[in-house]
Amino acid sequence: MKRKTVRYTLETLPPLTEAQRASLKALSARPAREIDTSEIPVLTDAEWAKTKRVRGQLYRPVKQVVTARLDGDVLEWLKSHGRGYQSRMNAILRREMLSSMK
């Protein structure tokens, strides 16, 4: 039987219920030594060698080329910190995005 993959975006993700929030809070309060990991299979060196290497180990965001208009002083400030101003701009935007999701 073929199953359909379910994909969520931030807009379509259902909100957590109070029970789910309470469960997550209880789990995060537990010490790591109390969490049973016995059912997690151990990967051999050969299996690890076949894994795909991606940025951040588990997730690599897809980069897209965009054209953006910035104020001149903002662009100069980004460039004044040295090479990598586009990556720095992305990091600033990501930080703002994540803080707005909280």
PDB file of N, CA and C in Angstrom:
ATOM      1  N   MET A   1       0.837  -1.179   0.000  1.00  0.00           N
ATOM      2  CA  MET A   1       0.000   0.000   0.000  1.00  0.00           C
ATOM      3  C   MET A   1       0.880   1.239   0.000  1.00  0.00           C
ATOM      4  N   LYS A   2       0.665   2.125  -0.936  1.00  0.00           N
ATOM      5  CA  LYS A   2       1.463   3.335  -1.045  1.00  0.00           C
ATOM      6  C   LYS A   2       0.853   4.430  -0.178  1.00  0.00           C
ATOM      7  N   ARG A   3       1.691   5.071   0.631  1.00  0.00           N
ATOM      8  CA  ARG A   3       1.231   6.157   1.485  1.00  0.00           C
ATOM      9  C   ARG A   3       1.619   7.496   0.887  1.00  0.00           C
ATOM     10  N   LYS A   4       0.731   8.459   1.058  1.00  0.00           N
ATOM     11  CA  LYS A   4       1.007   9.801   0.578  1.00  0.00           C
ATOM     12  C   LYS A   4       1.830  10.544   1.624  1.00  0.00           C
ATOM     13  N   THR A   5       2.885  11.212   1.189  1.00  0.00           N
ATOM     14  CA  THR A   5       3.714  11.999   2.091  1.00  0.00           C
ATOM     15  C   THR A   5       2.979  13.277   2.462  1.00  0.00           C
ATOM     16  N   VAL A   6       2.928  13.547   3.742  1.00  0.00           N
ATOM     17  CA  VAL A   6       2.282  14.764   4.221  1.00  0.00           C
ATOM     18  C   VAL A   6       3.358  15.815   4.444  1.00  0.00           C
ATOM     19  N   ARG A   7       3.160  16.990   3.893  1.00  0.00           N
ATOM     20  CA  ARG A   7       4.109  18.081   4.055  1.00  0.00           C
ATOM     21  C   ARG A   7       3.397  19.265   4.683  1.00  0.00           C
ATOM     22  N   TYR A   8       4.088  19.901   5.612  1.00  0.00           N
ATOM     23  CA  TYR A   8       3.548  21.084   6.266  1.00  0.00           C
ATOM     24  C   TYR A   8       4.453  22.266   6.009  1.00  0.00           C
ATOM     25  N   THR A   9       3.865  23.432   5.966  1.00  0.00           N
ATOM     26  CA  THR A   9       4.619  24.676   5.969  1.00  0.00           C
ATOM     27  C   THR A   9       4.253  25.394   7.259  1.00  0.00           C
ATOM     28  N   LEU A  10       4.912  26.503   7.540  1.00  0.00           N
ATOM     29  CA  LEU A  10       4.575  27.255   8.745  1.00  0.00           C
ATOM     30  C   LEU A  10       3.122  27.717   8.718  1.00  0.00           C
ATOM     31  N   GLU A  11       2.591  27.956   7.528  1.00  0.00           N
ATOM     32  CA  GLU A  11       1.211  28.426   7.409  1.00  0.00           C
ATOM     33  C   GLU A  11       0.200  27.304   7.612  1.00  0.00           C
ATOM     34  N   THR A  12       0.564  26.069   7.232  1.00  0.00           N
ATOM     35  CA  THR A  12      -0.395  24.958   7.304  1.00  0.00           C
ATOM     36  C   THR A  12      -0.182  24.057   8.514  1.00  0.00           C
ATOM     37  N   LEU A  13       0.854  24.300   9.271  1.00  0.00           N
ATOM     38  CA  LEU A  13       1.142  23.459  10.432  1.00  0.00           C
ATOM     39  C   LEU A  13       0.079  23.669  11.501  1.00  0.00           C
ATOM     40  N   PRO A  14      -0.568  22.581  11.954  1.00  0.00           N
ATOM     41  CA  PRO A  14      -1.601  22.765  12.980  1.00  0.00           C
ATOM     42  C   PRO A  14      -0.962  23.179  14.309  1.00  0.00           C
ATOM     43  N   PRO A  15      -1.625  24.024  15.081  1.00  0.00           N
ATOM     44  CA  PRO A  15      -1.060  24.453  16.364  1.00  0.00           C
ATOM     45  C   PRO A  15      -1.046  23.296  17.361  1.00  0.00           C
ATOM     46  N   LEU A  16      -0.073  23.343  18.279  1.00  0.00           N
ATOM     47  CA  LEU A  16       0.009  22.312  19.315  1.00  0.00           C
ATOM     48  C   LEU A  16      -1.159  22.456  20.282  1.00  0.00           C
ATOM     49  N   THR A  17      -1.661  21.309  20.728  1.00  0.00           N
ATOM     50  CA  THR A  17      -2.706  21.337  21.748  1.00  0.00           C
ATOM     51  C   THR A  17      -2.042  21.546  23.105  1.00  0.00           C
ATOM     52  N   GLU A  18      -2.835  21.881  24.102  1.00  0.00           N
ATOM     53  CA  GLU A  18      -2.285  22.064  25.450  1.00  0.00           C
ATOM     54  C   GLU A  18      -1.676  20.765  25.956  1.00  0.00           C
ATOM     55  N   ALA A  19      -2.288  19.616  25.629  1.00  0.00           N
ATOM     56  CA  ALA A  19      -1.751  18.317  26.044  1.00  0.00           C
ATOM     57  C   ALA A  19      -0.384  18.071  25.403  1.00  0.00           C
ATOM     58  N   GLN A  20      -0.238  18.432  24.119  1.00  0.00           N
ATOM     59  CA  GLN A  20       1.045  18.264  23.433  1.00  0.00           C
ATOM     60  C   GLN A  20       2.099  19.176  24.045  1.00  0.00           C
ATOM     61  N   ARG A  21       1.721  20.409  24.354  1.00  0.00           N
ATOM     62  CA  ARG A  21       2.661  21.336  24.986  1.00  0.00           C
ATOM     63  C   ARG A  21       3.119  20.806  26.345  1.00  0.00           C
ATOM     64  N   ALA A  22       2.177  20.283  27.124  1.00  0.00           N
ATOM     65  CA  ALA A  22       2.506  19.738  28.440  1.00  0.00           C
ATOM     66  C   ALA A  22       3.426  18.533  28.309  1.00  0.00           C
ATOM     67  N   SER A  23       3.153  17.674  27.321  1.00  0.00           N
ATOM     68  CA  SER A  23       3.985  16.494  27.099  1.00  0.00           C
ATOM     69  C   SER A  23       5.413  16.890  26.709  1.00  0.00           C
ATOM     70  N   LEU A  24       5.548  17.863  25.804  1.00  0.00           N
ATOM     71  CA  LEU A  24       6.875  18.325  25.391  1.00  0.00           C
ATOM     72  C   LEU A  24       7.631  18.973  26.546  1.00  0.00           C
ATOM     73  N   LYS A  25       6.919  19.729  27.366  1.00  0.00           N
ATOM     74  CA  LYS A  25       7.547  20.367  28.510  1.00  0.00           C
ATOM     75  C   LYS A  25       8.050  19.317  29.501  1.00  0.00           C
ATOM     76  N   ALA A  26       7.247  18.267  29.731  1.00  0.00           N
ATOM     77  CA  ALA A  26       7.653  17.194  30.635  1.00  0.00           C
ATOM     78  C   ALA A  26       8.861  16.441  30.088  1.00  0.00           C
ATOM     79  N   LEU A  27       8.870  16.193  28.777  1.00  0.00           N
ATOM     80  CA  LEU A  27      10.012  15.498  28.164  1.00  0.00           C
ATOM     81  C   LEU A  27      11.290  16.327  28.256  1.00  0.00           C
ATOM     82  N   SER A  28      11.189  17.620  28.020  1.00  0.00           N
ATOM     83  CA  SER A  28      12.389  18.462  28.048  1.00  0.00           C
ATOM     84  C   SER A  28      12.940  18.600  29.460  1.00  0.00           C
ATOM     85  N   ALA A  29      12.103  18.382  30.458  1.00  0.00           N
ATOM     86  CA  ALA A  29      12.563  18.485  31.842  1.00  0.00           C
ATOM     87  C   ALA A  29      13.271  17.219  32.318  1.00  0.00           C
ATOM     88  N   ARG A  30      13.090  16.109  31.598  1.00  0.00           N
ATOM     89  CA  ARG A  30      13.707  14.850  32.014  1.00  0.00           C
ATOM     90  C   ARG A  30      15.198  14.848  31.696  1.00  0.00           C
ATOM     91  N   PRO A  31      16.015  14.276  32.584  1.00  0.00           N
ATOM     92  CA  PRO A  31      17.444  14.147  32.268  1.00  0.00           C
ATOM     93  C   PRO A  31      17.657  13.119  31.153  1.00  0.00           C
ATOM     94  N   ALA A  32      18.698  13.304  30.367  1.00  0.00           N
ATOM     95  CA  ALA A  32      18.976  12.429  29.226  1.00  0.00           C
ATOM     96  C   ALA A  32      19.138  10.969  29.646  1.00  0.00           C
ATOM     97  N   ARG A  33      19.669  10.726  30.830  1.00  0.00           N
ATOM     98  CA  ARG A  33      19.910   9.341  31.269  1.00  0.00           C
ATOM     99  C   ARG A  33      18.611   8.564  31.485  1.00  0.00           C
ATOM    100  N   GLU A  34      17.495   9.259  31.627  1.00  0.00           N
ATOM    101  CA  GLU A  34      16.210   8.599  31.829  1.00  0.00           C
ATOM    102  C   GLU A  34      15.514   8.238  30.520  1.00  0.00           C
ATOM    103  N   ILE A  35      16.022   8.708  29.405  1.00  0.00           N
ATOM    104  CA  ILE A  35      15.385   8.452  28.119  1.00  0.00           C
ATOM    105  C   ILE A  35      15.885   7.120  27.575  1.00  0.00           C
ATOM    106  N   ASP A  36      14.940   6.226  27.270  1.00  0.00           N
ATOM    107  CA  ASP A  36      15.263   4.887  26.782  1.00  0.00           C
ATOM    108  C   ASP A  36      15.583   4.948  25.295  1.00  0.00           C
ATOM    109  N   THR A  37      16.830   4.675  24.949  1.00  0.00           N
ATOM    110  CA  THR A  37      17.252   4.673  23.543  1.00  0.00           C
ATOM    111  C   THR A  37      17.561   3.265  23.051  1.00  0.00           C
ATOM    112  N   SER A  38      17.128   2.255  23.794  1.00  0.00           N
ATOM    113  CA  SER A  38      17.482   0.870  23.468  1.00  0.00           C
ATOM    114  C   SER A  38      16.902   0.412  22.133  1.00  0.00           C
ATOM    115  N   GLU A  39      15.822   1.011  21.667  1.00  0.00           N
ATOM    116  CA  GLU A  39      15.207   0.587  20.414  1.00  0.00           C
ATOM    117  C   GLU A  39      15.804   1.278  19.193  1.00  0.00           C
ATOM    118  N   ILE A  40      16.689   2.217  19.392  1.00  0.00           N
ATOM    119  CA  ILE A  40      17.325   2.909  18.276  1.00  0.00           C
ATOM    120  C   ILE A  40      18.452   2.022  17.733  1.00  0.00           C
ATOM    121  N   PRO A  41      18.376   1.660  16.453  1.00  0.00           N
ATOM    122  CA  PRO A  41      19.423   0.778  15.915  1.00  0.00           C
ATOM    123  C   PRO A  41      20.775   1.491  15.825  1.00  0.00           C
ATOM    124  N   VAL A  42      21.826   0.735  16.033  1.00  0.00           N
ATOM    125  CA  VAL A  42      23.183   1.270  15.930  1.00  0.00           C
ATOM    126  C   VAL A  42      23.639   1.121  14.480  1.00  0.00           C
ATOM    127  N   LEU A  43      24.119   2.211  13.891  1.00  0.00           N
ATOM    128  CA  LEU A  43      24.593   2.160  12.513  1.00  0.00           C
ATOM    129  C   LEU A  43      26.043   1.698  12.468  1.00  0.00           C
ATOM    130  N   THR A  44      26.331   0.828  11.515  1.00  0.00           N
ATOM    131  CA  THR A  44      27.702   0.364  11.327  1.00  0.00           C
ATOM    132  C   THR A  44      28.487   1.433  10.563  1.00  0.00           C
ATOM    133  N   ASP A  45      29.806   1.277  10.520  1.00  0.00           N
ATOM    134  CA  ASP A  45      30.638   2.221   9.766  1.00  0.00           C
ATOM    135  C   ASP A  45      30.258   2.233   8.287  1.00  0.00           C
ATOM    136  N   ALA A  46      29.901   1.056   7.751  1.00  0.00           N
ATOM    137  CA  ALA A  46      29.510   0.973   6.345  1.00  0.00           C
ATOM    138  C   ALA A  46      28.219   1.749   6.099  1.00  0.00           C
ATOM    139  N   GLU A  47      27.274   1.653   7.025  1.00  0.00           N
ATOM    140  CA  GLU A  47      26.021   2.392   6.883  1.00  0.00           C
ATOM    141  C   GLU A  47      26.257   3.899   6.986  1.00  0.00           C
ATOM    142  N   TRP A  48      27.129   4.299   7.903  1.00  0.00           N
ATOM    143  CA  TRP A  48      27.457   5.724   8.028  1.00  0.00           C
ATOM    144  C   TRP A  48      28.127   6.244   6.768  1.00  0.00           C
ATOM    145  N   ALA A  49      28.945   5.397   6.141  1.00  0.00           N
ATOM    146  CA  ALA A  49      29.648   5.816   4.925  1.00  0.00           C
ATOM    147  C   ALA A  49      28.673   6.095   3.786  1.00  0.00           C
ATOM    148  N   LYS A  50      27.516   5.424   3.792  1.00  0.00           N
ATOM    149  CA  LYS A  50      26.521   5.609   2.737  1.00  0.00           C
ATOM    150  C   LYS A  50      25.605   6.806   2.979  1.00  0.00           C
ATOM    151  N   THR A  51      25.669   7.404   4.154  1.00  0.00           N
ATOM    152  CA  THR A  51      24.762   8.510   4.445  1.00  0.00           C
ATOM    153  C   THR A  51      25.165   9.733   3.648  1.00  0.00           C
ATOM    154  N   LYS A  52      24.183  10.547   3.335  1.00  0.00           N
ATOM    155  CA  LYS A  52      24.412  11.763   2.579  1.00  0.00           C
ATOM    156  C   LYS A  52      24.862  12.865   3.533  1.00  0.00           C
ATOM    157  N   ARG A  53      25.947  13.512   3.214  1.00  0.00           N
ATOM    158  CA  ARG A  53      26.457  14.595   4.044  1.00  0.00           C
ATOM    159  C   ARG A  53      25.788  15.898   3.634  1.00  0.00           C
ATOM    160  N   VAL A  54      25.148  16.560   4.568  1.00  0.00           N
ATOM    161  CA  VAL A  54      24.489  17.829   4.292  1.00  0.00           C
ATOM    162  C   VAL A  54      24.843  18.829   5.369  1.00  0.00           C
ATOM    163  N   ARG A  55      24.693  20.093   5.048  1.00  0.00           N
ATOM    164  CA  ARG A  55      24.963  21.166   5.993  1.00  0.00           C
ATOM    165  C   ARG A  55      24.045  21.023   7.195  1.00  0.00           C
ATOM    166  N   GLY A  56      24.573  21.185   8.395  1.00  0.00           N
ATOM    167  CA  GLY A  56      23.764  21.053   9.590  1.00  0.00           C
ATOM    168  C   GLY A  56      23.446  19.610   9.912  1.00  0.00           C
ATOM    169  N   GLN A  57      24.066  18.662   9.287  1.00  0.00           N
ATOM    170  CA  GLN A  57      23.949  17.224   9.442  1.00  0.00           C
ATOM    171  C   GLN A  57      22.587  16.674   9.014  1.00  0.00           C
ATOM    172  N   LEU A  58      21.496  17.291   9.410  1.00  0.00           N
ATOM    173  CA  LEU A  58      20.195  16.720   9.097  1.00  0.00           C
ATOM    174  C   LEU A  58      19.371  17.566   8.137  1.00  0.00           C
ATOM    175  N   TYR A  59      19.728  18.797   7.956  1.00  0.00           N
ATOM    176  CA  TYR A  59      18.891  19.688   7.153  1.00  0.00           C
ATOM    177  C   TYR A  59      19.760  20.678   6.405  1.00  0.00           C
ATOM    178  N   ARG A  60      19.496  20.825   5.140  1.00  0.00           N
ATOM    179  CA  ARG A  60      20.189  21.829   4.345  1.00  0.00           C
ATOM    180  C   ARG A  60      19.160  22.663   3.621  1.00  0.00           C
ATOM    181  N   PRO A  61      18.999  23.919   4.020  1.00  0.00           N
ATOM    182  CA  PRO A  61      18.022  24.752   3.337  1.00  0.00           C
ATOM    183  C   PRO A  61      18.409  24.966   1.877  1.00  0.00           C
ATOM    184  N   VAL A  62      17.424  25.041   1.033  1.00  0.00           N
ATOM    185  CA  VAL A  62      17.663  25.286  -0.387  1.00  0.00           C
ATOM    186  C   VAL A  62      17.847  26.785  -0.583  1.00  0.00           C
ATOM    187  N   LYS A  63      18.975  27.153  -1.143  1.00  0.00           N
ATOM    188  CA  LYS A  63      19.260  28.571  -1.397  1.00  0.00           C
ATOM    189  C   LYS A  63      18.589  28.987  -2.695  1.00  0.00           C
ATOM    190  N   GLN A  64      18.079  30.203  -2.714  1.00  0.00           N
ATOM    191  CA  GLN A  64      17.466  30.759  -3.908  1.00  0.00           C
ATOM    192  C   GLN A  64      18.087  32.113  -4.201  1.00  0.00           C
ATOM    193  N   VAL A  65      18.255  32.393  -5.479  1.00  0.00           N
ATOM    194  CA  VAL A  65      18.791  33.676  -5.899  1.00  0.00           C
ATOM    195  C   VAL A  65      17.647  34.681  -5.899  1.00  0.00           C
ATOM    196  N   VAL A  66      17.870  35.814  -5.239  1.00  0.00           N
ATOM    197  CA  VAL A  66      16.847  36.866  -5.198  1.00  0.00           C
ATOM    198  C   VAL A  66      17.498  38.207  -5.507  1.00  0.00           C
ATOM    199  N   THR A  67      16.687  39.151  -5.923  1.00  0.00           N
ATOM    200  CA  THR A  67      17.130  40.526  -6.083  1.00  0.00           C
ATOM    201  C   THR A  67      16.407  41.330  -5.023  1.00  0.00           C
ATOM    202  N   ALA A  68      17.149  42.038  -4.204  1.00  0.00           N
ATOM    203  CA  ALA A  68      16.543  42.825  -3.128  1.00  0.00           C
ATOM    204  C   ALA A  68      17.107  44.232  -3.173  1.00  0.00           C
ATOM    205  N   ARG A  69      16.298  45.181  -2.839  1.00  0.00           N
ATOM    206  CA  ARG A  69      16.740  46.570  -2.763  1.00  0.00           C
ATOM    207  C   ARG A  69      16.948  46.914  -1.295  1.00  0.00           C
ATOM    208  N   LEU A  70      18.162  47.333  -0.963  1.00  0.00           N
ATOM    209  CA  LEU A  70      18.509  47.690   0.411  1.00  0.00           C
ATOM    210  C   LEU A  70      18.915  49.151   0.459  1.00  0.00           C
ATOM    211  N   ASP A  71      18.708  49.767   1.593  1.00  0.00           N
ATOM    212  CA  ASP A  71      19.227  51.118   1.786  1.00  0.00           C
ATOM    213  C   ASP A  71      20.743  51.062   1.709  1.00  0.00           C
ATOM    214  N   GLY A  72      21.334  52.091   1.165  1.00  0.00           N
ATOM    215  CA  GLY A  72      22.786  52.124   0.981  1.00  0.00           C
ATOM    216  C   GLY A  72      23.561  51.965   2.271  1.00  0.00           C
ATOM    217  N   ASP A  73      23.080  52.614   3.338  1.00  0.00           N
ATOM    218  CA  ASP A  73      23.809  52.514   4.606  1.00  0.00           C
ATOM    219  C   ASP A  73      23.716  51.112   5.200  1.00  0.00           C
ATOM    220  N   VAL A  74      22.597  50.411   4.952  1.00  0.00           N
ATOM    221  CA  VAL A  74      22.462  49.039   5.445  1.00  0.00           C
ATOM    222  C   VAL A  74      23.448  48.137   4.712  1.00  0.00           C
ATOM    223  N   LEU A  75      23.527  48.289   3.398  1.00  0.00           N
ATOM    224  CA  LEU A  75      24.455  47.484   2.607  1.00  0.00           C
ATOM    225  C   LEU A  75      25.903  47.764   3.004  1.00  0.00           C
ATOM    226  N   GLU A  76      26.238  49.018   3.193  1.00  0.00           N
ATOM    227  CA  GLU A  76      27.605  49.361   3.615  1.00  0.00           C
ATOM    228  C   GLU A  76      27.935  48.763   4.978  1.00  0.00           C
ATOM    229  N   TRP A  77      26.960  48.786   5.894  1.00  0.00           N
ATOM    230  CA  TRP A  77      27.179  48.192   7.219  1.00  0.00           C
ATOM    231  C   TRP A  77      27.425  46.697   7.107  1.00  0.00           C
ATOM    232  N   LEU A  78      26.633  46.003   6.267  1.00  0.00           N
ATOM    233  CA  LEU A  78      26.832  44.557   6.084  1.00  0.00           C
ATOM    234  C   LEU A  78      28.218  44.274   5.502  1.00  0.00           C
ATOM    235  N   LYS A  79      28.613  45.058   4.504  1.00  0.00           N
ATOM    236  CA  LYS A  79      29.906  44.847   3.856  1.00  0.00           C
ATOM    237  C   LYS A  79      31.071  45.260   4.746  1.00  0.00           C
ATOM    238  N   SER A  80      30.834  46.180   5.688  1.00  0.00           N
ATOM    239  CA  SER A  80      31.931  46.673   6.539  1.00  0.00           C
ATOM    240  C   SER A  80      32.468  45.597   7.489  1.00  0.00           C
ATOM    241  N   HIS A  81      31.735  44.525   7.676  1.00  0.00           N
ATOM    242  CA  HIS A  81      32.172  43.447   8.554  1.00  0.00           C
ATOM    243  C   HIS A  81      33.003  42.401   7.812  1.00  0.00           C
ATOM    244  N   GLY A  82      33.347  42.676   6.563  1.00  0.00           N
ATOM    245  CA  GLY A  82      34.205  41.767   5.811  1.00  0.00           C
ATOM    246  C   GLY A  82      33.417  40.899   4.848  1.00  0.00           C
ATOM    247  N   ARG A  83      34.116  39.915   4.324  1.00  0.00           N
ATOM    248  CA  ARG A  83      33.513  39.009   3.343  1.00  0.00           C
ATOM    249  C   ARG A  83      32.322  38.282   3.948  1.00  0.00           C
ATOM    250  N   GLY A  84      31.410  37.825   3.075  1.00  0.00           N
ATOM    251  CA  GLY A  84      30.269  37.041   3.518  1.00  0.00           C
ATOM    252  C   GLY A  84      29.074  37.862   3.936  1.00  0.00           C
ATOM    253  N   TYR A  85      28.935  39.046   3.334  1.00  0.00           N
ATOM    254  CA  TYR A  85      27.816  39.894   3.759  1.00  0.00           C
ATOM    255  C   TYR A  85      26.469  39.277   3.414  1.00  0.00           C
ATOM    256  N   GLN A  86      26.386  38.500   2.339  1.00  0.00           N
ATOM    257  CA  GLN A  86      25.117  37.864   1.983  1.00  0.00           C
ATOM    258  C   GLN A  86      24.756  36.769   2.988  1.00  0.00           C
ATOM    259  N   SER A  87      25.746  36.006   3.417  1.00  0.00           N
ATOM    260  CA  SER A  87      25.503  34.979   4.436  1.00  0.00           C
ATOM    261  C   SER A  87      25.116  35.632   5.756  1.00  0.00           C
ATOM    262  N   ARG A  88      25.756  36.755   6.065  1.00  0.00           N
ATOM    263  CA  ARG A  88      25.423  37.487   7.285  1.00  0.00           C
ATOM    264  C   ARG A  88      23.988  38.005   7.218  1.00  0.00           C
ATOM    265  N   MET A  89      23.597  38.515   6.058  1.00  0.00           N
ATOM    266  CA  MET A  89      22.240  39.003   5.876  1.00  0.00           C
ATOM    267  C   MET A  89      21.244  37.852   6.039  1.00  0.00           C
ATOM    268  N   ASN A  90      21.560  36.688   5.493  1.00  0.00           N
ATOM    269  CA  ASN A  90      20.700  35.523   5.633  1.00  0.00           C
ATOM    270  C   ASN A  90      20.580  35.115   7.106  1.00  0.00           C
ATOM    271  N   ALA A  91      21.691  35.148   7.829  1.00  0.00           N
ATOM    272  CA  ALA A  91      21.674  34.776   9.249  1.00  0.00           C
ATOM    273  C   ALA A  91      20.813  35.746  10.060  1.00  0.00           C
ATOM    274  N   ILE A  92      20.899  37.032   9.737  1.00  0.00           N
ATOM    275  CA  ILE A  92      20.085  38.033  10.438  1.00  0.00           C
ATOM    276  C   ILE A  92      18.609  37.793  10.163  1.00  0.00           C
ATOM    277  N   LEU A  93      18.284  37.534   8.909  1.00  0.00           N
ATOM    278  CA  LEU A  93      16.887  37.281   8.552  1.00  0.00           C
ATOM    279  C   LEU A  93      16.378  35.983   9.183  1.00  0.00           C
ATOM    280  N   ARG A  94      17.222  34.941   9.212  1.00  0.00           N
ATOM    281  CA  ARG A  94      16.824  33.669   9.828  1.00  0.00           C
ATOM    282  C   ARG A  94      16.578  33.856  11.321  1.00  0.00           C
ATOM    283  N   ARG A  95      17.453  34.590  12.000  1.00  0.00           N
ATOM    284  CA  ARG A  95      17.283  34.837  13.432  1.00  0.00           C
ATOM    285  C   ARG A  95      15.957  35.553  13.693  1.00  0.00           C
ATOM    286  N   GLU A  96      15.648  36.537  12.865  1.00  0.00           N
ATOM    287  CA  GLU A  96      14.395  37.277  13.013  1.00  0.00           C
ATOM    288  C   GLU A  96      13.193  36.368  12.734  1.00  0.00           C
ATOM    289  N   MET A  97      13.314  35.530  11.713  1.00  0.00           N
ATOM    290  CA  MET A  97      12.237  34.597  11.378  1.00  0.00           C
ATOM    291  C   MET A  97      11.968  33.647  12.544  1.00  0.00           C
ATOM    292  N   LEU A  98      13.019  33.064  13.100  1.00  0.00           N
ATOM    293  CA  LEU A  98      12.856  32.117  14.199  1.00  0.00           C
ATOM    294  C   LEU A  98      12.306  32.788  15.441  1.00  0.00           C
ATOM    295  N   SER A  99      12.723  34.023  15.718  1.00  0.00           N
ATOM    296  CA  SER A  99      12.215  34.702  16.907  1.00  0.00           C
ATOM    297  C   SER A  99      10.745  35.076  16.730  1.00  0.00           C
ATOM    298  N   SER A 100      10.316  35.343  15.514  1.00  0.00           N
ATOM    299  CA  SER A 100       8.903  35.679  15.288  1.00  0.00           C
ATOM    300  C   SER A 100       8.015  34.456  15.353  1.00  0.00           C
ATOM    301  N   MET A 101       8.589  33.259  15.191  1.00  0.00           N
ATOM    302  CA  MET A 101       7.811  32.019  15.250  1.00  0.00           C
ATOM    303  C   MET A 101       7.563  31.580  16.688  1.00  0.00           C
ATOM    304  N   LYS A 102       8.289  32.139  17.654  1.00  0.00           N
ATOM    305  CA  LYS A 102       8.133  31.713  19.047  1.00  0.00           C
ATOM    306  C   LYS A 102       6.864  32.240  19.650  1.00  0.00           C
TER     307      LYS A 102
END
